[in-house]
Every structure is written in C-alpha cells, then in structure tokens.
C-alpha cells in the first residue's frame, strides 16, 4: 500500500482541531498532527504574515480524493492549501497502522 502526508492550514486552533477530528472520525487518515506556524505569503496583491495551524495528515494514498473533497467541504478558507507528498519509506508497522490494518 502507498501512503502520503497531506498538508493544509487553518486560521486558528478551534478550526484546526475540528477539521483534524472530522478527518480521523471519517477514517480518511490514521493520524493528524496540528502545529503552530507563521505563514508569509501574498494574497490579493498584498503581503501577509499570519499565525496559522498546519495540519499534517498521514494516511493511505487511496483515500486522497475523498480527503481532498472533505477538506474543501469543511474548510473556512476561500482557497485552502491542499498539498500531498508521497511517503517513500517508513516503519512498516506504523504505516500499516495508518491504514487501519
């Protein structure tokens, strides 16, 4: 089985925790970690710096399409970040746990 880490950001702790809980409850990922970050970017022609929460969503690649749909349906941002990176290697028992096996 193949696995990925999908990243998205939320504006605050409450939004990040609600999204993380819903992802795990729907079994779209085995684990979601929430990390405080500062984001620097340009939005609508203006430079921005915001405190955000980064969600590191780890699970099987076969659920990525459903995960993306869920994030888009539940997210409060106009244009949410949804970026996935393949997990090339890892501790096999842990990866199996991510998929619920």
Protein backbone atom coordinates (compact mmCIF):
# COMPACT_ATOMS: atom_id res chain seq x y z
CA UNK A 1 0.00 0.00 0.00
CA UNK A 2 1.15 3.56 -0.70
CA UNK A 3 0.95 6.39 1.84
CA UNK A 4 1.05 10.21 1.78
CA UNK A 5 1.26 13.23 4.03
CA UNK A 6 -1.30 15.87 3.09
CA UNK A 7 -0.91 19.40 4.41
CA UNK A 8 -3.46 22.12 4.96
CA UNK A 9 -3.58 25.18 7.18
CA UNK A 10 -6.30 26.72 9.36
CA UNK A 11 -6.59 30.16 10.88
CA UNK A 12 -6.91 29.07 14.48
CA UNK A 13 -6.77 26.22 16.98
CA UNK A 14 -10.53 25.57 17.06
CA UNK A 15 -10.84 25.26 13.27
CA UNK A 16 -7.75 23.04 13.06
CA UNK A 17 -8.93 20.75 15.83
CA UNK A 18 -12.42 20.42 14.35
CA UNK A 19 -11.02 19.55 10.94
CA UNK A 20 -8.49 17.10 12.39
CA UNK A 21 -11.16 15.33 14.43
CA UNK A 22 -13.52 15.05 11.45
CA UNK A 23 -10.76 13.60 9.24
CA UNK A 24 -9.90 10.92 11.80
CA UNK A 25 -13.58 10.20 12.58
CA UNK A 26 -14.29 9.59 8.88
CA UNK A 27 -11.19 7.35 8.73
CA UNK A 28 -9.66 9.45 5.94
CA UNK A 29 -6.29 9.32 7.71
CA UNK A 30 -4.72 7.46 10.59
CA UNK A 31 -3.14 10.49 12.21
CA UNK A 32 -3.39 14.28 12.03
CA UNK A 33 -0.83 16.45 13.76
CA UNK A 34 -1.53 20.15 14.37
CA UNK A 35 1.42 22.54 14.60
CA UNK A 36 1.55 26.31 15.29
CA UNK A 37 3.21 28.18 12.42
CA UNK A 38 3.72 31.65 10.95
CA UNK A 39 2.90 31.92 7.25
CA UNK A 40 4.34 34.56 4.93
CA UNK A 41 2.59 34.94 1.58
CA UNK A 42 0.92 37.33 -0.83
CA UNK A 43 -2.87 37.38 -1.07
CA UNK A 44 -4.79 39.59 -3.49
CA UNK A 45 -1.68 41.66 -4.17
CA UNK A 46 -0.88 42.32 -0.51
CA UNK A 47 1.96 40.80 1.54
CA UNK A 48 0.65 38.87 4.54
CA UNK A 49 2.00 37.30 7.73
CA UNK A 50 -0.42 35.22 9.73
CA UNK A 51 -0.38 32.85 12.65
CA UNK A 52 -1.91 29.59 11.46
CA UNK A 53 -2.16 25.92 12.35
CA UNK A 54 -0.57 23.42 9.98
CA UNK A 55 -2.28 20.05 9.75
CA UNK A 56 -0.03 17.12 8.81
CA UNK A 57 -2.47 14.45 7.69
CA UNK A 58 -0.95 10.98 7.32
CA UNK A 59 -2.77 8.12 5.65
CA UNK A 60 -3.18 5.84 2.64
CA UNK A 61 -2.96 7.42 -0.82
CA UNK A 62 -6.12 5.58 -1.87
CA UNK A 63 -8.11 7.99 0.33
CA UNK A 64 -6.60 11.22 -1.05
CA UNK A 65 -9.51 12.10 -3.36
CA UNK A 66 -12.03 11.65 -0.54
CA UNK A 67 -9.77 13.57 1.87
CA UNK A 68 -9.49 16.47 -0.58
CA UNK A 69 -13.28 16.60 -1.00
CA UNK A 70 -13.72 16.60 2.77
CA UNK A 71 -11.21 19.41 3.32
CA UNK A 72 -12.84 21.53 0.59
CA UNK A 73 -16.31 20.96 2.08
CA UNK A 74 -15.30 21.71 5.68
CA UNK A 75 -12.59 24.37 5.32
CA UNK A 76 -13.30 28.03 6.08
CA UNK A 77 -10.65 29.48 3.74
CA UNK A 78 -11.63 30.74 0.30
CA UNK A 79 -8.60 28.94 -1.15
CA UNK A 80 -7.35 26.24 1.25
CA UNK A 81 -3.92 24.73 0.88
CA UNK A 82 -4.13 21.05 -0.01
CA UNK A 83 -0.71 19.59 -0.83
CA UNK A 84 0.21 15.90 -0.67
CA UNK A 85 3.67 14.37 -0.53
CA UNK A 86 4.30 10.66 -1.02
CA UNK A 87 5.85 8.76 1.86
CA UNK A 88 8.73 6.99 0.12
CA UNK A 89 9.66 4.80 3.06
CA UNK A 90 8.80 4.31 6.68
CA UNK A 91 8.42 1.94 9.59
CA UNK A 92 6.10 -0.72 8.13
CA UNK A 93 4.10 -1.44 11.31
CA UNK A 94 3.42 2.28 11.68
CA UNK A 95 2.39 2.65 8.05
CA UNK A 96 0.07 -0.34 8.39
CA UNK A 97 -1.48 1.33 11.43
CA UNK A 98 -2.14 4.47 9.36
CA UNK A 99 -4.34 2.47 7.02
CA UNK A 100 -6.18 0.70 9.83
CA UNK A 101 -4.65 -2.71 9.10
